[in-house]
Amino acid sequence: MELNLKDKVVVVTGPAKGMGAAITLGFAREGANLALLGRDVEAIAPVQGEAGTLGVAAEIFACDVTDSAAVDQVVAAVLARFGRIDVLVNVAGGTGPIGKTGVETTAAEFDEIVHLNMRGPFNLIRAVAPVMQGQGGGKIVNVGGTFGMRGRAMRLAYSSSKWGLRGLTKSFALELGPDNINVNLVAPGMVDGPRFRDKVVPQVAAQYGISEDEAAAKHASDYALGRVSTDEDIASATLFLASDRARQITGVDLPVDGGWASL
């Protein structure tokens, strides 16, 4: 299926690693030009370099996405460089406290993760939407999480922030739909990678007194498809929702988790 993303201008927050890097390089392979936003520009540089080898323009813009003034400035800089913004992908976010009940979670911990996971996308959409309205349309994809669809004990702050991101997505979808702007959310489940292999798997192995291979298999067995998602799975869903192939889809929460959140 041709996604027709060639020469589109795509803004990606949090592109340095993991699914952010996979999403960035997925767009690059489709021929899209990239504005890569983040606080740690050195961490983004390798992804920028790899995108450049694919023959597209990829520029890094230093930005704290939780700072609305900084976001406004960087959007102006992206427009000065590329002239338009066709797609916005909000990946940047955090996990918050892990292994704490809601009662044990401090107000500061709660505020920090809600601020990052909701204020960042809010600032970017608020700044980019007028640009897309002036162009006659655009695509916005927020990266949420399945804990924002089913909830999760011991992850209250993170789960709350991702539930909030769903509400933000749906409200913007309703408000921006008349302007031909699609706003959707991709909700990854557990994604295979360093965090899964180095943190989650050892914790499960210790909890049940099993090997790490058995722990990984036990985790995968929670999903209907019996496997854990990869960064590329998340990237594929994001690229689809950012394309005109998804022209009639807006306001959806798309779990990419092998069948857990919605089954």
C-alpha atoms as a PDB file:
ATOM      1  CA  MET A   1       0.000   0.000   0.000  1.00  0.00           C
ATOM      2  CA  GLU A   2       1.421   3.362  -1.045  1.00  0.00           C
ATOM      3  CA  LEU A   3       1.160   5.830   1.823  1.00  0.00           C
ATOM      4  CA  ASN A   4       1.912   8.918  -0.278  1.00  0.00           C
ATOM      5  CA  LEU A   5       4.082  10.506   2.406  1.00  0.00           C
ATOM      6  CA  LYS A   6       6.895  11.532   0.068  1.00  0.00           C
ATOM      7  CA  ASP A   7       7.932  15.183   0.556  1.00  0.00           C
ATOM      8  CA  LYS A   8       5.539  15.644   3.481  1.00  0.00           C
ATOM      9  CA  VAL A   9       6.929  17.656   6.391  1.00  0.00           C
ATOM     10  CA  VAL A  10       6.681  15.663   9.616  1.00  0.00           C
ATOM     11  CA  VAL A  11       7.344  16.976  13.127  1.00  0.00           C
ATOM     12  CA  VAL A  12       8.329  14.250  15.616  1.00  0.00           C
ATOM     13  CA  THR A  13       8.885  14.803  19.328  1.00  0.00           C
ATOM     14  CA  GLY A  14      11.018  12.303  21.238  1.00  0.00           C
ATOM     15  CA  PRO A  15      12.789  10.881  18.166  1.00  0.00           C
ATOM     16  CA  ALA A  16      16.068   9.822  19.784  1.00  0.00           C
ATOM     17  CA  LYS A  17      15.442   6.169  20.609  1.00  0.00           C
ATOM     18  CA  GLY A  18      13.031   3.271  20.733  1.00  0.00           C
ATOM     19  CA  MET A  19       9.698   3.779  19.043  1.00  0.00           C
ATOM     20  CA  GLY A  20      10.484   7.460  18.440  1.00  0.00           C
ATOM     21  CA  ALA A  21      13.510   6.522  16.360  1.00  0.00           C
ATOM     22  CA  ALA A  22      11.589   3.772  14.552  1.00  0.00           C
ATOM     23  CA  ILE A  23       8.780   6.195  13.705  1.00  0.00           C
ATOM     24  CA  THR A  24      11.266   8.801  12.481  1.00  0.00           C
ATOM     25  CA  LEU A  25      13.094   6.375  10.225  1.00  0.00           C
ATOM     26  CA  GLY A  26       9.809   4.926   8.984  1.00  0.00           C
ATOM     27  CA  PHE A  27       8.808   8.349   7.708  1.00  0.00           C
ATOM     28  CA  ALA A  28      12.278   8.815   6.209  1.00  0.00           C
ATOM     29  CA  ARG A  29      11.930   5.572   4.251  1.00  0.00           C
ATOM     30  CA  GLU A  30       8.654   6.895   2.877  1.00  0.00           C
ATOM     31  CA  GLY A  31      10.464  10.022   1.647  1.00  0.00           C
ATOM     32  CA  ALA A  32       9.125  12.492   4.229  1.00  0.00           C
ATOM     33  CA  ASN A  33      11.189  15.428   5.463  1.00  0.00           C
ATOM     34  CA  LEU A  34      11.670  15.623   9.208  1.00  0.00           C
ATOM     35  CA  ALA A  35      11.741  18.178  11.997  1.00  0.00           C
ATOM     36  CA  LEU A  36      13.077  16.364  15.066  1.00  0.00           C
ATOM     37  CA  LEU A  37      12.282  17.984  18.417  1.00  0.00           C
ATOM     38  CA  GLY A  38      13.857  17.222  21.780  1.00  0.00           C
ATOM     39  CA  ARG A  39      15.882  18.531  24.679  1.00  0.00           C
ATOM     40  CA  ASP A  40      18.946  16.323  24.143  1.00  0.00           C
ATOM     41  CA  VAL A  41      20.042  17.216  20.630  1.00  0.00           C
ATOM     42  CA  GLU A  42      23.149  15.035  20.829  1.00  0.00           C
ATOM     43  CA  ALA A  43      20.999  11.964  21.431  1.00  0.00           C
ATOM     44  CA  ILE A  44      18.948  12.783  18.320  1.00  0.00           C
ATOM     45  CA  ALA A  45      21.988  13.233  16.055  1.00  0.00           C
ATOM     46  CA  PRO A  46      22.467   9.515  15.157  1.00  0.00           C
ATOM     47  CA  VAL A  47      18.825   9.230  14.066  1.00  0.00           C
ATOM     48  CA  GLN A  48      19.161  12.426  12.046  1.00  0.00           C
ATOM     49  CA  GLY A  49      22.249  11.016  10.368  1.00  0.00           C
ATOM     50  CA  GLU A  50      20.551   7.739   9.489  1.00  0.00           C
ATOM     51  CA  ALA A  51      17.554   9.601   8.080  1.00  0.00           C
ATOM     52  CA  GLY A  52      19.903  11.678   5.956  1.00  0.00           C
ATOM     53  CA  THR A  53      21.341   8.559   4.350  1.00  0.00           C
ATOM     54  CA  LEU A  54      17.827   7.822   3.102  1.00  0.00           C
ATOM     55  CA  GLY A  55      17.844  11.007   1.038  1.00  0.00           C
ATOM     56  CA  VAL A  56      15.478  13.193   3.058  1.00  0.00           C
ATOM     57  CA  ALA A  57      15.970  16.471   4.892  1.00  0.00           C
ATOM     58  CA  ALA A  58      16.135  15.965   8.659  1.00  0.00           C
ATOM     59  CA  GLU A  59      16.713  18.902  10.987  1.00  0.00           C
ATOM     60  CA  ILE A  60      17.064  18.896  14.772  1.00  0.00           C
ATOM     61  CA  PHE A  61      15.341  21.577  16.835  1.00  0.00           C
ATOM     62  CA  ALA A  62      16.138  21.900  20.535  1.00  0.00           C
ATOM     63  CA  CYS A  63      12.898  22.172  22.475  1.00  0.00           C
ATOM     64  CA  ASP A  64      11.345  21.451  25.863  1.00  0.00           C
ATOM     65  CA  VAL A  65       7.862  20.439  24.766  1.00  0.00           C
ATOM     66  CA  THR A  66       6.362  21.333  28.148  1.00  0.00           C
ATOM     67  CA  ASP A  67       7.352  24.997  27.629  1.00  0.00           C
ATOM     68  CA  SER A  68       4.624  26.620  25.534  1.00  0.00           C
ATOM     69  CA  ALA A  69       6.754  29.634  24.575  1.00  0.00           C
ATOM     70  CA  ALA A  70       9.588  27.353  23.445  1.00  0.00           C
ATOM     71  CA  VAL A  71       7.145  25.278  21.402  1.00  0.00           C
ATOM     72  CA  ASP A  72       5.760  28.378  19.681  1.00  0.00           C
ATOM     73  CA  GLN A  73       9.307  29.450  18.810  1.00  0.00           C
ATOM     74  CA  VAL A  74      10.329  26.074  17.447  1.00  0.00           C
ATOM     75  CA  VAL A  75       7.192  25.766  15.301  1.00  0.00           C
ATOM     76  CA  ALA A  76       8.062  29.143  13.792  1.00  0.00           C
ATOM     77  CA  ALA A  77      11.583  27.849  13.154  1.00  0.00           C
ATOM     78  CA  VAL A  78      10.259  24.688  11.478  1.00  0.00           C
ATOM     79  CA  LEU A  79       8.071  26.808   9.208  1.00  0.00           C
ATOM     80  CA  ALA A  80      11.023  29.029   8.358  1.00  0.00           C
ATOM     81  CA  ARG A  81      12.998  25.928   7.356  1.00  0.00           C
ATOM     82  CA  PHE A  82      10.337  23.833   5.602  1.00  0.00           C
ATOM     83  CA  GLY A  83       7.471  26.204   4.828  1.00  0.00           C
ATOM     84  CA  ARG A  84       4.693  23.895   6.051  1.00  0.00           C
ATOM     85  CA  ILE A  85       3.820  21.144   8.546  1.00  0.00           C
ATOM     86  CA  ASP A  86       1.811  18.206   7.259  1.00  0.00           C
ATOM     87  CA  VAL A  87       2.108  15.735  10.126  1.00  0.00           C
ATOM     88  CA  LEU A  88       2.703  16.020  13.876  1.00  0.00           C
ATOM     89  CA  VAL A  89       3.655  12.950  15.910  1.00  0.00           C
ATOM     90  CA  ASN A  90       3.821  13.373  19.687  1.00  0.00           C
ATOM     91  CA  VAL A  91       6.051  10.620  21.047  1.00  0.00           C
ATOM     92  CA  ALA A  92       7.916  12.403  23.866  1.00  0.00           C
ATOM     93  CA  GLY A  93       6.807  11.298  27.307  1.00  0.00           C
ATOM     94  CA  GLY A  94       7.809   9.545  30.493  1.00  0.00           C
ATOM     95  CA  THR A  95       6.837   6.636  32.730  1.00  0.00           C
ATOM     96  CA  GLY A  96       6.560   8.241  36.151  1.00  0.00           C
ATOM     97  CA  PRO A  97       6.843   6.302  39.427  1.00  0.00           C
ATOM     98  CA  ILE A  98       6.806   2.513  39.089  1.00  0.00           C
ATOM     99  CA  GLY A  99       5.828   0.083  41.810  1.00  0.00           C
ATOM    100  CA  LYS A 100       4.006   2.630  43.953  1.00  0.00           C
ATOM    101  CA  THR A 101       0.358   2.648  44.891  1.00  0.00           C
ATOM    102  CA  GLY A 102      -1.649   5.797  44.369  1.00  0.00           C
ATOM    103  CA  VAL A 103      -1.469   6.496  48.104  1.00  0.00           C
ATOM    104  CA  GLU A 104       2.325   6.178  48.038  1.00  0.00           C
ATOM    105  CA  THR A 105       2.687   8.418  44.976  1.00  0.00           C
ATOM    106  CA  THR A 106       3.584  11.970  45.914  1.00  0.00           C
ATOM    107  CA  ALA A 107       1.808  15.006  44.515  1.00  0.00           C
ATOM    108  CA  ALA A 108       5.076  16.092  42.897  1.00  0.00           C
ATOM    109  CA  GLU A 109       5.506  12.732  41.157  1.00  0.00           C
ATOM    110  CA  PHE A 110       1.927  12.823  39.916  1.00  0.00           C
ATOM    111  CA  ASP A 111       2.212  16.400  38.649  1.00  0.00           C
ATOM    112  CA  GLU A 112       5.512  15.726  36.882  1.00  0.00           C
ATOM    113  CA  ILE A 113       4.306  12.865  34.692  1.00  0.00           C
ATOM    114  CA  VAL A 114       0.904  14.397  33.950  1.00  0.00           C
ATOM    115  CA  HIS A 115       2.667  17.640  32.999  1.00  0.00           C
ATOM    116  CA  LEU A 116       5.031  15.854  30.613  1.00  0.00           C
ATOM    117  CA  ASN A 117       2.607  13.378  29.038  1.00  0.00           C
ATOM    118  CA  MET A 118      -0.275  15.815  28.571  1.00  0.00           C
ATOM    119  CA  ARG A 119       1.154  19.335  28.455  1.00  0.00           C
ATOM    120  CA  GLY A 120       3.709  18.445  25.779  1.00  0.00           C
ATOM    121  CA  PRO A 121       1.168  17.171  23.223  1.00  0.00           C
ATOM    122  CA  PHE A 122      -1.224  19.993  24.149  1.00  0.00           C
ATOM    123  CA  ASN A 123       1.448  22.620  23.480  1.00  0.00           C
ATOM    124  CA  LEU A 124       2.420  21.092  20.138  1.00  0.00           C
ATOM    125  CA  ILE A 125      -1.127  20.640  18.861  1.00  0.00           C
ATOM    126  CA  ARG A 126      -2.077  24.128  19.986  1.00  0.00           C
ATOM    127  CA  ALA A 127       0.881  25.570  18.050  1.00  0.00           C
ATOM    128  CA  VAL A 128       0.627  23.372  14.942  1.00  0.00           C
ATOM    129  CA  ALA A 129      -3.151  23.263  14.444  1.00  0.00           C
ATOM    130  CA  PRO A 130      -3.411  26.861  13.109  1.00  0.00           C
ATOM    131  CA  VAL A 131      -0.690  26.029  10.579  1.00  0.00           C
ATOM    132  CA  MET A 132      -2.616  22.979   9.373  1.00  0.00           C
ATOM    133  CA  GLN A 133      -5.868  24.945   9.303  1.00  0.00           C
ATOM    134  CA  GLY A 134      -4.234  27.487   7.017  1.00  0.00           C
ATOM    135  CA  GLN A 135      -2.966  24.735   4.724  1.00  0.00           C
ATOM    136  CA  GLY A 136      -6.321  22.990   4.425  1.00  0.00           C
ATOM    137  CA  GLY A 137      -5.597  19.979   6.603  1.00  0.00           C
ATOM    138  CA  GLY A 138      -3.087  17.736   8.300  1.00  0.00           C
ATOM    139  CA  LYS A 139      -2.548  14.648  10.435  1.00  0.00           C
ATOM    140  CA  ILE A 140      -1.789  14.464  14.169  1.00  0.00           C
ATOM    141  CA  VAL A 141      -0.854  11.236  15.931  1.00  0.00           C
ATOM    142  CA  ASN A 142      -0.343  11.030  19.690  1.00  0.00           C
ATOM    143  CA  VAL A 143       1.486   8.075  21.227  1.00  0.00           C
ATOM    144  CA  GLY A 144      -0.332   6.950  24.350  1.00  0.00           C
ATOM    145  CA  GLY A 145      -0.289   3.580  26.066  1.00  0.00           C
ATOM    146  CA  THR A 146      -2.564   0.673  26.883  1.00  0.00           C
ATOM    147  CA  PHE A 147      -2.400   1.513  30.602  1.00  0.00           C
ATOM    148  CA  GLY A 148      -4.447   4.530  29.546  1.00  0.00           C
ATOM    149  CA  MET A 149      -7.126   2.171  28.225  1.00  0.00           C
ATOM    150  CA  ARG A 150      -7.442  -0.405  31.009  1.00  0.00           C
ATOM    151  CA  GLY A 151      -5.723   1.221  33.960  1.00  0.00           C
ATOM    152  CA  ARG A 152      -2.921  -0.372  35.954  1.00  0.00           C
ATOM    153  CA  ALA A 153      -2.281  -0.920  39.630  1.00  0.00           C
ATOM    154  CA  MET A 154       1.055   0.481  40.842  1.00  0.00           C
ATOM    155  CA  ARG A 155       1.197   2.825  37.847  1.00  0.00           C
ATOM    156  CA  LEU A 156      -1.516   5.316  38.772  1.00  0.00           C
ATOM    157  CA  ALA A 157       0.268   8.505  37.699  1.00  0.00           C
ATOM    158  CA  TYR A 158       1.322   7.155  34.306  1.00  0.00           C
ATOM    159  CA  SER A 159      -2.058   5.551  33.670  1.00  0.00           C
ATOM    160  CA  SER A 160      -3.859   8.784  34.558  1.00  0.00           C
ATOM    161  CA  SER A 161      -1.668  10.796  32.203  1.00  0.00           C
ATOM    162  CA  LYS A 162      -2.367   8.463  29.293  1.00  0.00           C
ATOM    163  CA  TRP A 163      -6.116   8.455  29.989  1.00  0.00           C
ATOM    164  CA  GLY A 164      -5.907  12.239  29.869  1.00  0.00           C
ATOM    165  CA  LEU A 165      -4.074  12.119  26.555  1.00  0.00           C
ATOM    166  CA  ARG A 166      -6.964  10.115  25.126  1.00  0.00           C
ATOM    167  CA  GLY A 167      -9.389  12.845  26.144  1.00  0.00           C
ATOM    168  CA  LEU A 168      -7.156  15.495  24.639  1.00  0.00           C
ATOM    169  CA  THR A 169      -7.006  13.490  21.402  1.00  0.00           C
ATOM    170  CA  LYS A 170     -10.759  13.083  21.121  1.00  0.00           C
ATOM    171  CA  SER A 171     -11.552  16.708  21.936  1.00  0.00           C
ATOM    172  CA  PHE A 172      -9.067  18.008  19.379  1.00  0.00           C
ATOM    173  CA  ALA A 173     -10.430  15.513  16.826  1.00  0.00           C
ATOM    174  CA  LEU A 174     -13.894  16.995  17.241  1.00  0.00           C
ATOM    175  CA  GLU A 175     -12.678  20.579  17.137  1.00  0.00           C
ATOM    176  CA  LEU A 176     -10.290  20.193  14.193  1.00  0.00           C
ATOM    177  CA  GLY A 177     -12.295  17.754  12.066  1.00  0.00           C
ATOM    178  CA  PRO A 178     -14.089  20.540  10.178  1.00  0.00           C
ATOM    179  CA  ASP A 179     -10.644  21.791   9.122  1.00  0.00           C
ATOM    180  CA  ASN A 180      -9.709  18.418   7.577  1.00  0.00           C
ATOM    181  CA  ILE A 181      -7.299  17.602  10.410  1.00  0.00           C
ATOM    182  CA  ASN A 182      -7.279  14.017  11.690  1.00  0.00           C
ATOM    183  CA  VAL A 183      -6.245  13.499  15.321  1.00  0.00           C
ATOM    184  CA  ASN A 184      -5.651   9.931  16.503  1.00  0.00           C
ATOM    185  CA  LEU A 185      -3.818   8.000  19.190  1.00  0.00           C
ATOM    186  CA  VAL A 186      -1.627   4.914  18.978  1.00  0.00           C
ATOM    187  CA  ALA A 187      -1.517   2.970  22.252  1.00  0.00           C
ATOM    188  CA  PRO A 188       1.489   0.657  22.511  1.00  0.00           C
ATOM    189  CA  GLY A 189       1.443  -2.232  24.913  1.00  0.00           C
ATOM    190  CA  MET A 190       4.734  -3.571  26.214  1.00  0.00           C
ATOM    191  CA  VAL A 191       7.389  -3.024  23.559  1.00  0.00           C
ATOM    192  CA  ASP A 192      10.353  -5.365  23.230  1.00  0.00           C
ATOM    193  CA  GLY A 193      13.571  -3.476  23.853  1.00  0.00           C
ATOM    194  CA  PRO A 194      16.062  -2.539  26.584  1.00  0.00           C
ATOM    195  CA  ARG A 195      13.422  -1.618  29.166  1.00  0.00           C
ATOM    196  CA  PHE A 196      11.516  -4.858  28.638  1.00  0.00           C
ATOM    197  CA  ARG A 197      14.630  -7.050  28.588  1.00  0.00           C
ATOM    198  CA  ASP A 198      16.623  -5.281  31.323  1.00  0.00           C
ATOM    199  CA  LYS A 199      13.856  -4.304  33.766  1.00  0.00           C
ATOM    200  CA  VAL A 200      10.520  -5.994  33.208  1.00  0.00           C
ATOM    201  CA  VAL A 201      11.763  -9.496  32.435  1.00  0.00           C
ATOM    202  CA  PRO A 202      14.156  -9.707  35.434  1.00  0.00           C
ATOM    203  CA  GLN A 203      11.386  -8.438  37.734  1.00  0.00           C
ATOM    204  CA  VAL A 204       8.950 -11.088  36.511  1.00  0.00           C
ATOM    205  CA  ALA A 205      11.637 -13.788  36.735  1.00  0.00           C
ATOM    206  CA  ALA A 206      12.423 -12.850  40.342  1.00  0.00           C
ATOM    207  CA  GLN A 207       8.753 -12.602  41.285  1.00  0.00           C
ATOM    208  CA  TYR A 208       7.873 -16.095  40.054  1.00  0.00           C
ATOM    209  CA  GLY A 209      11.253 -17.824  40.519  1.00  0.00           C
ATOM    210  CA  ILE A 210      11.630 -18.639  36.831  1.00  0.00           C
ATOM    211  CA  SER A 211      14.255 -18.030  34.162  1.00  0.00           C
ATOM    212  CA  GLU A 212      14.299 -14.821  32.153  1.00  0.00           C
ATOM    213  CA  ASP A 213      13.349 -16.721  28.993  1.00  0.00           C
ATOM    214  CA  GLU A 214      10.369 -18.171  30.833  1.00  0.00           C
ATOM    215  CA  ALA A 215       9.505 -14.709  32.170  1.00  0.00           C
ATOM    216  CA  ALA A 216       9.505 -13.227  28.673  1.00  0.00           C
ATOM    217  CA  ALA A 217       7.281 -16.049  27.444  1.00  0.00           C
ATOM    218  CA  LYS A 218       4.941 -15.601  30.401  1.00  0.00           C
ATOM    219  CA  HIS A 219       4.566 -11.914  29.612  1.00  0.00           C
ATOM    220  CA  ALA A 220       3.881 -12.635  25.937  1.00  0.00           C
ATOM    221  CA  SER A 221       1.219 -15.188  26.905  1.00  0.00           C
ATOM    222  CA  ASP A 222      -0.949 -12.359  28.270  1.00  0.00           C
ATOM    223  CA  TYR A 223      -1.600 -11.241  24.683  1.00  0.00           C
ATOM    224  CA  ALA A 224      -3.989 -12.894  22.232  1.00  0.00           C
ATOM    225  CA  LEU A 225      -1.248 -13.142  19.601  1.00  0.00           C
ATOM    226  CA  GLY A 226       1.270 -14.528  22.076  1.00  0.00           C
ATOM    227  CA  ARG A 227       3.981 -12.032  21.288  1.00  0.00           C
ATOM    228  CA  VAL A 228       5.278  -8.676  22.481  1.00  0.00           C
ATOM    229  CA  SER A 229       5.144  -5.679  20.149  1.00  0.00           C
ATOM    230  CA  THR A 230       8.237  -4.178  18.537  1.00  0.00           C
ATOM    231  CA  ASP A 231       9.151  -0.567  17.821  1.00  0.00           C
ATOM    232  CA  GLU A 232       8.433  -1.257  14.147  1.00  0.00           C
ATOM    233  CA  ASP A 233       4.886  -2.352  14.982  1.00  0.00           C
ATOM    234  CA  ILE A 234       4.261   1.028  16.600  1.00  0.00           C
ATOM    235  CA  ALA A 235       5.895   2.839  13.688  1.00  0.00           C
ATOM    236  CA  SER A 236       3.732   1.033  11.117  1.00  0.00           C
ATOM    237  CA  ALA A 237       0.508   1.996  12.889  1.00  0.00           C
ATOM    238  CA  THR A 238       1.671   5.589  13.245  1.00  0.00           C
ATOM    239  CA  LEU A 239       2.593   5.926   9.572  1.00  0.00           C
ATOM    240  CA  PHE A 240      -0.777   4.550   8.529  1.00  0.00           C
ATOM    241  CA  LEU A 241      -2.687   7.036  10.682  1.00  0.00           C
ATOM    242  CA  ALA A 242      -0.485   9.847   9.369  1.00  0.00           C
ATOM    243  CA  SER A 243      -1.285   8.978   5.768  1.00  0.00           C
ATOM    244  CA  ASP A 244      -4.236   9.780   3.553  1.00  0.00           C
ATOM    245  CA  ARG A 245      -5.089   6.065   3.660  1.00  0.00           C
ATOM    246  CA  ALA A 246      -6.562   6.929   7.069  1.00  0.00           C
ATOM    247  CA  ARG A 247      -8.426   9.985   5.767  1.00  0.00           C
ATOM    248  CA  GLN A 248     -11.735   8.880   7.299  1.00  0.00           C
ATOM    249  CA  ILE A 249     -10.325   7.873  10.691  1.00  0.00           C
ATOM    250  CA  THR A 250     -10.181  10.381  13.525  1.00  0.00           C
ATOM    251  CA  GLY A 251     -10.498  10.354  17.298  1.00  0.00           C
ATOM    252  CA  VAL A 252      -9.578   6.674  17.618  1.00  0.00           C
ATOM    253  CA  ASP A 253      -7.445   4.891  20.225  1.00  0.00           C
ATOM    254  CA  LEU A 254      -5.537   2.212  18.325  1.00  0.00           C
ATOM    255  CA  PRO A 255      -3.994  -0.372  20.679  1.00  0.00           C
ATOM    256  CA  VAL A 256      -0.889  -2.004  19.206  1.00  0.00           C
ATOM    257  CA  ASP A 257      -0.401  -4.690  21.821  1.00  0.00           C
ATOM    258  CA  GLY A 258      -1.061  -8.104  20.311  1.00  0.00           C
ATOM    259  CA  GLY A 259      -4.541  -8.163  21.848  1.00  0.00           C
ATOM    260  CA  TRP A 260      -4.620  -7.087  25.488  1.00  0.00           C
ATOM    261  CA  ALA A 261      -6.301  -3.757  26.088  1.00  0.00           C
ATOM    262  CA  SER A 262      -9.385  -4.328  23.966  1.00  0.00           C
ATOM    263  CA  LEU A 263      -9.908  -8.070  24.500  1.00  0.00           C
END
